[in-house]
Amino acid sequence: MPATFILMYLSSIIITLFNIKSYEFREVLFLLYYINSACNPLIYSFFNVNFRNDIRRIYKYHKHIYLT
């Protein structure tokens, strides 16, 4: 999980350190921020059994509420 974080934010660090003004590079950076946010729930759901169980429990609870 830390590797995903480092990979997604490395471009931001490079832009800051080297003061890069490229519009295209900034667009890629913006896209990486969104990809990172989208990847986090997937990473947690694959690697954390407690997270999966809690999501199932919440889903079952809400499903029961709406059906009654």
PDB file of N, CA and C in Angstrom:
ATOM      1  N   MET A   1       0.806  -1.194   0.000  1.00  0.00           N
ATOM      2  CA  MET A   1       0.000   0.000   0.000  1.00  0.00           C
ATOM      3  C   MET A   1       0.851   1.261   0.000  1.00  0.00           C
ATOM      4  N   PRO A   2       1.946   1.309   0.752  1.00  0.00           N
ATOM      5  CA  PRO A   2       2.785   2.510   0.677  1.00  0.00           C
ATOM      6  C   PRO A   2       3.379   2.718  -0.718  1.00  0.00           C
ATOM      7  N   ALA A   3       3.612   1.629  -1.448  1.00  0.00           N
ATOM      8  CA  ALA A   3       4.165   1.767  -2.795  1.00  0.00           C
ATOM      9  C   ALA A   3       3.195   2.509  -3.706  1.00  0.00           C
ATOM     10  N   THR A   4       1.912   2.251  -3.581  1.00  0.00           N
ATOM     11  CA  THR A   4       0.910   2.958  -4.383  1.00  0.00           C
ATOM     12  C   THR A   4       0.917   4.435  -4.041  1.00  0.00           C
ATOM     13  N   PHE A   5       0.966   4.745  -2.767  1.00  0.00           N
ATOM     14  CA  PHE A   5       1.002   6.142  -2.336  1.00  0.00           C
ATOM     15  C   PHE A   5       2.230   6.850  -2.896  1.00  0.00           C
ATOM     16  N   ILE A   6       3.389   6.227  -2.769  1.00  0.00           N
ATOM     17  CA  ILE A   6       4.634   6.824  -3.260  1.00  0.00           C
ATOM     18  C   ILE A   6       4.581   7.010  -4.768  1.00  0.00           C
ATOM     19  N   LEU A   7       4.116   6.009  -5.480  1.00  0.00           N
ATOM     20  CA  LEU A   7       4.038   6.093  -6.937  1.00  0.00           C
ATOM     21  C   LEU A   7       3.123   7.224  -7.382  1.00  0.00           C
ATOM     22  N   MET A   8       1.979   7.366  -6.746  1.00  0.00           N
ATOM     23  CA  MET A   8       1.011   8.377  -7.159  1.00  0.00           C
ATOM     24  C   MET A   8       1.457   9.795  -6.818  1.00  0.00           C
ATOM     25  N   TYR A   9       2.199   9.970  -5.739  1.00  0.00           N
ATOM     26  CA  TYR A   9       2.586  11.311  -5.311  1.00  0.00           C
ATOM     27  C   TYR A   9       4.020  11.684  -5.675  1.00  0.00           C
ATOM     28  N   LEU A  10       4.762  10.775  -6.263  1.00  0.00           N
ATOM     29  CA  LEU A  10       6.139  11.062  -6.652  1.00  0.00           C
ATOM     30  C   LEU A  10       6.206  12.205  -7.660  1.00  0.00           C
ATOM     31  N   SER A  11       5.282  12.255  -8.585  1.00  0.00           N
ATOM     32  CA  SER A  11       5.287  13.325  -9.582  1.00  0.00           C
ATOM     33  C   SER A  11       5.083  14.688  -8.922  1.00  0.00           C
ATOM     34  N   SER A  12       4.278  14.748  -7.880  1.00  0.00           N
ATOM     35  CA  SER A  12       4.074  16.004  -7.163  1.00  0.00           C
ATOM     36  C   SER A  12       5.365  16.473  -6.505  1.00  0.00           C
ATOM     37  N   ILE A  13       6.084  15.550  -5.948  1.00  0.00           N
ATOM     38  CA  ILE A  13       7.359  15.882  -5.314  1.00  0.00           C
ATOM     39  C   ILE A  13       8.348  16.385  -6.362  1.00  0.00           C
ATOM     40  N   ILE A  14       8.384  15.746  -7.516  1.00  0.00           N
ATOM     41  CA  ILE A  14       9.286  16.157  -8.596  1.00  0.00           C
ATOM     42  C   ILE A  14       8.937  17.562  -9.080  1.00  0.00           C
ATOM     43  N   ILE A  15       7.647  17.846  -9.268  1.00  0.00           N
ATOM     44  CA  ILE A  15       7.221  19.186  -9.700  1.00  0.00           C
ATOM     45  C   ILE A  15       7.665  20.244  -8.693  1.00  0.00           C
ATOM     46  N   THR A  16       7.504  19.949  -7.424  1.00  0.00           N
ATOM     47  CA  THR A  16       7.862  20.909  -6.387  1.00  0.00           C
ATOM     48  C   THR A  16       9.370  21.116  -6.320  1.00  0.00           C
ATOM     49  N   LEU A  17      10.126  20.038  -6.351  1.00  0.00           N
ATOM     50  CA  LEU A  17      11.578  20.148  -6.224  1.00  0.00           C
ATOM     51  C   LEU A  17      12.224  20.839  -7.416  1.00  0.00           C
ATOM     52  N   PHE A  18      11.755  20.537  -8.617  1.00  0.00           N
ATOM     53  CA  PHE A  18      12.392  21.061  -9.822  1.00  0.00           C
ATOM     54  C   PHE A  18      11.622  22.220 -10.454  1.00  0.00           C
ATOM     55  N   ASN A  19      10.533  22.660  -9.801  1.00  0.00           N
ATOM     56  CA  ASN A  19       9.747  23.805 -10.266  1.00  0.00           C
ATOM     57  C   ASN A  19       9.334  23.659 -11.738  1.00  0.00           C
ATOM     58  N   ILE A  20       8.714  22.544 -12.054  1.00  0.00           N
ATOM     59  CA  ILE A  20       8.286  22.241 -13.424  1.00  0.00           C
ATOM     60  C   ILE A  20       6.960  22.946 -13.699  1.00  0.00           C
ATOM     61  N   LYS A  21       6.866  23.607 -14.849  1.00  0.00           N
ATOM     62  CA  LYS A  21       5.670  24.382 -15.199  1.00  0.00           C
ATOM     63  C   LYS A  21       4.860  23.753 -16.330  1.00  0.00           C
ATOM     64  N   SER A  22       5.204  22.575 -16.767  1.00  0.00           N
ATOM     65  CA  SER A  22       4.541  21.929 -17.899  1.00  0.00           C
ATOM     66  C   SER A  22       3.062  21.663 -17.596  1.00  0.00           C
ATOM     67  N   TYR A  23       2.195  22.157 -18.466  1.00  0.00           N
ATOM     68  CA  TYR A  23       0.754  21.967 -18.305  1.00  0.00           C
ATOM     69  C   TYR A  23       0.386  20.491 -18.433  1.00  0.00           C
ATOM     70  N   GLU A  24       0.978  19.796 -19.392  1.00  0.00           N
ATOM     71  CA  GLU A  24       0.669  18.380 -19.608  1.00  0.00           C
ATOM     72  C   GLU A  24       1.072  17.540 -18.398  1.00  0.00           C
ATOM     73  N   PHE A  25       2.223  17.853 -17.826  1.00  0.00           N
ATOM     74  CA  PHE A  25       2.687  17.099 -16.663  1.00  0.00           C
ATOM     75  C   PHE A  25       1.758  17.336 -15.476  1.00  0.00           C
ATOM     76  N   ARG A  26       1.277  18.548 -15.344  1.00  0.00           N
ATOM     77  CA  ARG A  26       0.337  18.854 -14.260  1.00  0.00           C
ATOM     78  C   ARG A  26      -0.994  18.129 -14.462  1.00  0.00           C
ATOM     79  N   GLU A  27      -1.414  17.966 -15.705  1.00  0.00           N
ATOM     80  CA  GLU A  27      -2.635  17.198 -15.980  1.00  0.00           C
ATOM     81  C   GLU A  27      -2.461  15.742 -15.562  1.00  0.00           C
ATOM     82  N   VAL A  28      -1.304  15.178 -15.865  1.00  0.00           N
ATOM     83  CA  VAL A  28      -1.012  13.797 -15.466  1.00  0.00           C
ATOM     84  C   VAL A  28      -1.010  13.691 -13.945  1.00  0.00           C
ATOM     85  N   LEU A  29      -0.415  14.660 -13.291  1.00  0.00           N
ATOM     86  CA  LEU A  29      -0.389  14.681 -11.830  1.00  0.00           C
ATOM     87  C   LEU A  29      -1.805  14.704 -11.258  1.00  0.00           C
ATOM     88  N   PHE A  30      -2.650  15.547 -11.807  1.00  0.00           N
ATOM     89  CA  PHE A  30      -4.038  15.645 -11.366  1.00  0.00           C
ATOM     90  C   PHE A  30      -4.749  14.307 -11.537  1.00  0.00           C
ATOM     91  N   LEU A  31      -4.512  13.651 -12.658  1.00  0.00           N
ATOM     92  CA  LEU A  31      -5.102  12.343 -12.917  1.00  0.00           C
ATOM     93  C   LEU A  31      -4.605  11.308 -11.909  1.00  0.00           C
ATOM     94  N   LEU A  32      -3.328  11.348 -11.569  1.00  0.00           N
ATOM     95  CA  LEU A  32      -2.772  10.406 -10.595  1.00  0.00           C
ATOM     96  C   LEU A  32      -3.400  10.584  -9.212  1.00  0.00           C
ATOM     97  N   TYR A  33      -3.695  11.819  -8.842  1.00  0.00           N
ATOM     98  CA  TYR A  33      -4.375  12.047  -7.562  1.00  0.00           C
ATOM     99  C   TYR A  33      -5.719  11.320  -7.535  1.00  0.00           C
ATOM    100  N   TYR A  34      -6.471  11.427  -8.619  1.00  0.00           N
ATOM    101  CA  TYR A  34      -7.774  10.761  -8.671  1.00  0.00           C
ATOM    102  C   TYR A  34      -7.631   9.242  -8.725  1.00  0.00           C
ATOM    103  N   ILE A  35      -6.662   8.759  -9.449  1.00  0.00           N
ATOM    104  CA  ILE A  35      -6.433   7.311  -9.515  1.00  0.00           C
ATOM    105  C   ILE A  35      -6.078   6.777  -8.134  1.00  0.00           C
ATOM    106  N   ASN A  36      -5.246   7.516  -7.404  1.00  0.00           N
ATOM    107  CA  ASN A  36      -4.873   7.095  -6.059  1.00  0.00           C
ATOM    108  C   ASN A  36      -6.107   6.992  -5.166  1.00  0.00           C
ATOM    109  N   SER A  37      -6.979   7.973  -5.248  1.00  0.00           N
ATOM    110  CA  SER A  37      -8.197   7.945  -4.435  1.00  0.00           C
ATOM    111  C   SER A  37      -9.103   6.780  -4.823  1.00  0.00           C
ATOM    112  N   ALA A  38      -9.132   6.450  -6.092  1.00  0.00           N
ATOM    113  CA  ALA A  38      -9.954   5.328  -6.548  1.00  0.00           C
ATOM    114  C   ALA A  38      -9.336   3.988  -6.161  1.00  0.00           C
ATOM    115  N   CYS A  39      -8.021   3.930  -6.085  1.00  0.00           N
ATOM    116  CA  CYS A  39      -7.329   2.673  -5.761  1.00  0.00           C
ATOM    117  C   CYS A  39      -7.419   2.318  -4.281  1.00  0.00           C
ATOM    118  N   ASN A  40      -7.479   3.299  -3.414  1.00  0.00           N
ATOM    119  CA  ASN A  40      -7.459   3.024  -1.975  1.00  0.00           C
ATOM    120  C   ASN A  40      -8.543   2.052  -1.521  1.00  0.00           C
ATOM    121  N   PRO A  41      -9.810   2.242  -1.868  1.00  0.00           N
ATOM    122  CA  PRO A  41     -10.816   1.266  -1.419  1.00  0.00           C
ATOM    123  C   PRO A  41     -10.567  -0.133  -1.980  1.00  0.00           C
ATOM    124  N   LEU A  42     -10.081  -0.202  -3.206  1.00  0.00           N
ATOM    125  CA  LEU A  42      -9.788  -1.515  -3.793  1.00  0.00           C
ATOM    126  C   LEU A  42      -8.654  -2.203  -3.054  1.00  0.00           C
ATOM    127  N   ILE A  43      -7.615  -1.451  -2.743  1.00  0.00           N
ATOM    128  CA  ILE A  43      -6.472  -2.019  -2.021  1.00  0.00           C
ATOM    129  C   ILE A  43      -6.913  -2.506  -0.645  1.00  0.00           C
ATOM    130  N   TYR A  44      -7.666  -1.678   0.078  1.00  0.00           N
ATOM    131  CA  TYR A  44      -8.126  -2.087   1.405  1.00  0.00           C
ATOM    132  C   TYR A  44      -9.028  -3.308   1.336  1.00  0.00           C
ATOM    133  N   SER A  45      -9.887  -3.364   0.353  1.00  0.00           N
ATOM    134  CA  SER A  45     -10.809  -4.499   0.276  1.00  0.00           C
ATOM    135  C   SER A  45     -10.102  -5.798  -0.066  1.00  0.00           C
ATOM    136  N   PHE A  46      -9.018  -5.734  -0.819  1.00  0.00           N
ATOM    137  CA  PHE A  46      -8.298  -6.956  -1.165  1.00  0.00           C
ATOM    138  C   PHE A  46      -7.394  -7.440  -0.038  1.00  0.00           C
ATOM    139  N   PHE A  47      -6.808  -6.535   0.726  1.00  0.00           N
ATOM    140  CA  PHE A  47      -5.787  -6.928   1.685  1.00  0.00           C
ATOM    141  C   PHE A  47      -6.232  -6.956   3.141  1.00  0.00           C
ATOM    142  N   ASN A  48      -7.387  -6.433   3.465  1.00  0.00           N
ATOM    143  CA  ASN A  48      -7.795  -6.362   4.853  1.00  0.00           C
ATOM    144  C   ASN A  48      -9.104  -7.133   5.053  1.00  0.00           C
ATOM    145  N   VAL A  49      -9.001  -8.265   5.709  1.00  0.00           N
ATOM    146  CA  VAL A  49     -10.164  -9.126   5.938  1.00  0.00           C
ATOM    147  C   VAL A  49     -11.190  -8.416   6.823  1.00  0.00           C
ATOM    148  N   ASN A  50     -10.738  -7.708   7.840  1.00  0.00           N
ATOM    149  CA  ASN A  50     -11.669  -6.994   8.723  1.00  0.00           C
ATOM    150  C   ASN A  50     -12.455  -5.940   7.954  1.00  0.00           C
ATOM    151  N   PHE A  51     -11.804  -5.256   7.039  1.00  0.00           N
ATOM    152  CA  PHE A  51     -12.482  -4.250   6.218  1.00  0.00           C
ATOM    153  C   PHE A  51     -13.578  -4.902   5.387  1.00  0.00           C
ATOM    154  N   ARG A  52     -13.263  -6.024   4.754  1.00  0.00           N
ATOM    155  CA  ARG A  52     -14.260  -6.739   3.939  1.00  0.00           C
ATOM    156  C   ARG A  52     -15.447  -7.175   4.786  1.00  0.00           C
ATOM    157  N   ASN A  53     -15.156  -7.729   5.950  1.00  0.00           N
ATOM    158  CA  ASN A  53     -16.238  -8.192   6.828  1.00  0.00           C
ATOM    159  C   ASN A  53     -17.115  -7.038   7.303  1.00  0.00           C
ATOM    160  N   ASP A  54     -16.508  -5.912   7.629  1.00  0.00           N
ATOM    161  CA  ASP A  54     -17.285  -4.750   8.068  1.00  0.00           C
ATOM    162  C   ASP A  54     -18.158  -4.204   6.948  1.00  0.00           C
ATOM    163  N   ILE A  55     -17.639  -4.165   5.737  1.00  0.00           N
ATOM    164  CA  ILE A  55     -18.430  -3.696   4.596  1.00  0.00           C
ATOM    165  C   ILE A  55     -19.619  -4.627   4.371  1.00  0.00           C
ATOM    166  N   ARG A  56     -19.396  -5.925   4.453  1.00  0.00           N
ATOM    167  CA  ARG A  56     -20.500  -6.888   4.307  1.00  0.00           C
ATOM    168  C   ARG A  56     -21.547  -6.690   5.397  1.00  0.00           C
ATOM    169  N   ARG A  57     -21.081  -6.507   6.622  1.00  0.00           N
ATOM    170  CA  ARG A  57     -21.993  -6.309   7.752  1.00  0.00           C
ATOM    171  C   ARG A  57     -22.815  -5.034   7.560  1.00  0.00           C
ATOM    172  N   ILE A  58     -22.189  -3.961   7.142  1.00  0.00           N
ATOM    173  CA  ILE A  58     -22.908  -2.700   6.901  1.00  0.00           C
ATOM    174  C   ILE A  58     -23.917  -2.870   5.778  1.00  0.00           C
ATOM    175  N   TYR A  59     -23.509  -3.533   4.705  1.00  0.00           N
ATOM    176  CA  TYR A  59     -24.409  -3.738   3.568  1.00  0.00           C
ATOM    177  C   TYR A  59     -25.632  -4.557   3.989  1.00  0.00           C
ATOM    178  N   LYS A  60     -25.399  -5.621   4.753  1.00  0.00           N
ATOM    179  CA  LYS A  60     -26.518  -6.451   5.210  1.00  0.00           C
ATOM    180  C   LYS A  60     -27.439  -5.666   6.128  1.00  0.00           C
ATOM    181  N   TYR A  61     -26.881  -4.831   6.984  1.00  0.00           N
ATOM    182  CA  TYR A  61     -27.682  -4.030   7.904  1.00  0.00           C
ATOM    183  C   TYR A  61     -28.560  -3.046   7.130  1.00  0.00           C
ATOM    184  N   HIS A  62     -27.974  -2.341   6.166  1.00  0.00           N
ATOM    185  CA  HIS A  62     -28.747  -1.371   5.386  1.00  0.00           C
ATOM    186  C   HIS A  62     -29.768  -2.059   4.488  1.00  0.00           C
ATOM    187  N   LYS A  63     -29.428  -3.205   3.973  1.00  0.00           N
ATOM    188  CA  LYS A  63     -30.364  -3.950   3.137  1.00  0.00           C
ATOM    189  C   LYS A  63     -31.580  -4.355   3.969  1.00  0.00           C
ATOM    190  N   HIS A  64     -31.344  -4.779   5.188  1.00  0.00           N
ATOM    191  CA  HIS A  64     -32.430  -5.181   6.086  1.00  0.00           C
ATOM    192  C   HIS A  64     -33.328  -3.989   6.424  1.00  0.00           C
ATOM    193  N   ILE A  65     -32.742  -2.834   6.658  1.00  0.00           N
ATOM    194  CA  ILE A  65     -33.520  -1.640   7.000  1.00  0.00           C
ATOM    195  C   ILE A  65     -34.440  -1.248   5.852  1.00  0.00           C
ATOM    196  N   TYR A  66     -33.937  -1.271   4.629  1.00  0.00           N
ATOM    197  CA  TYR A  66     -34.734  -0.833   3.485  1.00  0.00           C
ATOM    198  C   TYR A  66     -35.800  -1.849   3.076  1.00  0.00           C
ATOM    199  N   LEU A  67     -35.594  -3.105   3.414  1.00  0.00           N
ATOM    200  CA  LEU A  67     -36.564  -4.126   3.038  1.00  0.00           C
ATOM    201  C   LEU A  67     -37.729  -4.228   4.011  1.00  0.00           C
ATOM    202  N   THR A  68     -37.547  -3.756   5.229  1.00  0.00           N
ATOM    203  CA  THR A  68     -38.628  -3.875   6.213  1.00  0.00           C
ATOM    204  C   THR A  68     -39.569  -2.703   6.179  1.00  0.00           C
TER     205      THR A  68
END
